[in-house]
Amino acid sequence: MDAPTRLEASAYAAYMSGFLGLRTEEWTKATESFTAAKTVYEKLAGVVAEAGKKALYQVRFAFSSWSDRSLSF
């Protein structure tokens, strides 16, 4: 597995972990997971050339940013 694929897999795992944290009302876990996903998706969106993947990363980055801010209140 190449480095970008590993990064994408780790970002997706963190993203899904954030949703699990929301579902189980583990707010700290959700916040930490979405923050981790946001960091990786932001980096991936900045370096990927494929338009479809770039858009997907940007949407997930935006959602992770929104979720992170919403959970901090």
C-alpha atoms as a PDB file:
ATOM      1  CA  MET A   1       0.000   0.000   0.000  1.00  0.00           C
ATOM      2  CA  ASP A   2       1.416   3.394  -0.954  1.00  0.00           C
ATOM      3  CA  ALA A   3       1.671   6.365   1.410  1.00  0.00           C
ATOM      4  CA  PRO A   4      -1.336   8.356   0.075  1.00  0.00           C
ATOM      5  CA  THR A   5      -3.552   5.272   0.356  1.00  0.00           C
ATOM      6  CA  ARG A   6      -2.414   4.699   3.939  1.00  0.00           C
ATOM      7  CA  LEU A   7      -3.159   8.337   4.754  1.00  0.00           C
ATOM      8  CA  GLU A   8      -6.570   8.119   3.142  1.00  0.00           C
ATOM      9  CA  ALA A   9      -7.349   4.934   5.079  1.00  0.00           C
ATOM     10  CA  SER A  10      -6.308   6.485   8.381  1.00  0.00           C
ATOM     11  CA  ALA A  11      -8.362   9.618   7.675  1.00  0.00           C
ATOM     12  CA  TYR A  12     -11.419   7.535   6.799  1.00  0.00           C
ATOM     13  CA  ALA A  13     -11.005   5.429   9.945  1.00  0.00           C
ATOM     14  CA  ALA A  14     -10.834   8.587  12.064  1.00  0.00           C
ATOM     15  CA  TYR A  15     -13.836  10.040  10.226  1.00  0.00           C
ATOM     16  CA  MET A  16     -15.929   6.921  10.904  1.00  0.00           C
ATOM     17  CA  SER A  17     -14.690   6.829  14.499  1.00  0.00           C
ATOM     18  CA  GLY A  18     -16.013  10.368  14.874  1.00  0.00           C
ATOM     19  CA  PHE A  19     -19.466   9.217  13.780  1.00  0.00           C
ATOM     20  CA  LEU A  20     -19.281   6.312  16.212  1.00  0.00           C
ATOM     21  CA  GLY A  21     -18.429   8.765  18.979  1.00  0.00           C
ATOM     22  CA  LEU A  22     -21.473  10.841  18.043  1.00  0.00           C
ATOM     23  CA  ARG A  23     -23.728   7.802  17.981  1.00  0.00           C
ATOM     24  CA  THR A  24     -22.533   6.552  21.369  1.00  0.00           C
ATOM     25  CA  GLU A  25     -22.464  10.085  22.817  1.00  0.00           C
ATOM     26  CA  GLU A  26     -18.736   9.913  23.504  1.00  0.00           C
ATOM     27  CA  TRP A  27     -18.159  13.578  22.725  1.00  0.00           C
ATOM     28  CA  THR A  28     -14.444  13.671  23.492  1.00  0.00           C
ATOM     29  CA  LYS A  29     -13.797  10.656  21.266  1.00  0.00           C
ATOM     30  CA  ALA A  30     -15.880  12.203  18.481  1.00  0.00           C
ATOM     31  CA  THR A  31     -14.054  15.526  18.715  1.00  0.00           C
ATOM     32  CA  GLU A  32     -10.610  13.904  18.730  1.00  0.00           C
ATOM     33  CA  SER A  33     -11.502  11.655  15.804  1.00  0.00           C
ATOM     34  CA  PHE A  34     -12.954  14.444  13.670  1.00  0.00           C
ATOM     35  CA  THR A  35      -9.939  16.635  14.445  1.00  0.00           C
ATOM     36  CA  ALA A  36      -7.583  13.858  13.300  1.00  0.00           C
ATOM     37  CA  ALA A  37      -9.625  13.282  10.141  1.00  0.00           C
ATOM     38  CA  LYS A  38      -9.737  17.015   9.409  1.00  0.00           C
ATOM     39  CA  THR A  39      -5.953  17.299   9.608  1.00  0.00           C
ATOM     40  CA  VAL A  40      -5.312  14.452   7.189  1.00  0.00           C
ATOM     41  CA  TYR A  41      -8.101  15.360   4.739  1.00  0.00           C
ATOM     42  CA  GLU A  42      -6.841  18.941   4.617  1.00  0.00           C
ATOM     43  CA  LYS A  43      -3.366  17.718   3.671  1.00  0.00           C
ATOM     44  CA  LEU A  44      -4.687  15.209   1.132  1.00  0.00           C
ATOM     45  CA  ALA A  45      -6.911  17.833  -0.532  1.00  0.00           C
ATOM     46  CA  GLY A  46      -3.865  20.047  -0.921  1.00  0.00           C
ATOM     47  CA  VAL A  47      -1.775  17.470  -2.766  1.00  0.00           C
ATOM     48  CA  VAL A  48      -4.132  15.238  -4.747  1.00  0.00           C
ATOM     49  CA  ALA A  49      -4.533  15.988  -8.450  1.00  0.00           C
ATOM     50  CA  GLU A  50      -7.693  13.965  -9.175  1.00  0.00           C
ATOM     51  CA  ALA A  51     -10.691  16.342  -9.066  1.00  0.00           C
ATOM     52  CA  GLY A  52     -13.146  13.779  -7.688  1.00  0.00           C
ATOM     53  CA  LYS A  53     -10.935  12.806  -4.778  1.00  0.00           C
ATOM     54  CA  LYS A  54     -10.050  16.430  -4.082  1.00  0.00           C
ATOM     55  CA  ALA A  55     -13.762  17.297  -3.830  1.00  0.00           C
ATOM     56  CA  LEU A  56     -14.416  14.322  -1.538  1.00  0.00           C
ATOM     57  CA  TYR A  57     -11.559  15.303   0.763  1.00  0.00           C
ATOM     58  CA  GLN A  58     -12.757  18.899   0.861  1.00  0.00           C
ATOM     59  CA  VAL A  59     -16.298  17.833   1.811  1.00  0.00           C
ATOM     60  CA  ARG A  60     -15.032  15.528   4.543  1.00  0.00           C
ATOM     61  CA  PHE A  61     -12.640  18.210   5.756  1.00  0.00           C
ATOM     62  CA  ALA A  62     -15.483  20.744   5.880  1.00  0.00           C
ATOM     63  CA  PHE A  63     -17.783  18.344   7.736  1.00  0.00           C
ATOM     64  CA  SER A  64     -15.052  17.386  10.176  1.00  0.00           C
ATOM     65  CA  SER A  65     -14.370  21.077  10.833  1.00  0.00           C
ATOM     66  CA  TRP A  66     -18.064  21.760  11.420  1.00  0.00           C
ATOM     67  CA  SER A  67     -18.458  18.735  13.688  1.00  0.00           C
ATOM     68  CA  ASP A  68     -15.371  19.648  15.680  1.00  0.00           C
ATOM     69  CA  ARG A  69     -16.659  23.183  16.303  1.00  0.00           C
ATOM     70  CA  SER A  70     -20.184  21.991  17.114  1.00  0.00           C
ATOM     71  CA  LEU A  71     -18.969  19.483  19.705  1.00  0.00           C
ATOM     72  CA  SER A  72     -16.817  22.028  21.510  1.00  0.00           C
ATOM     73  CA  PHE A  73     -19.835  23.963  22.810  1.00  0.00           C
END
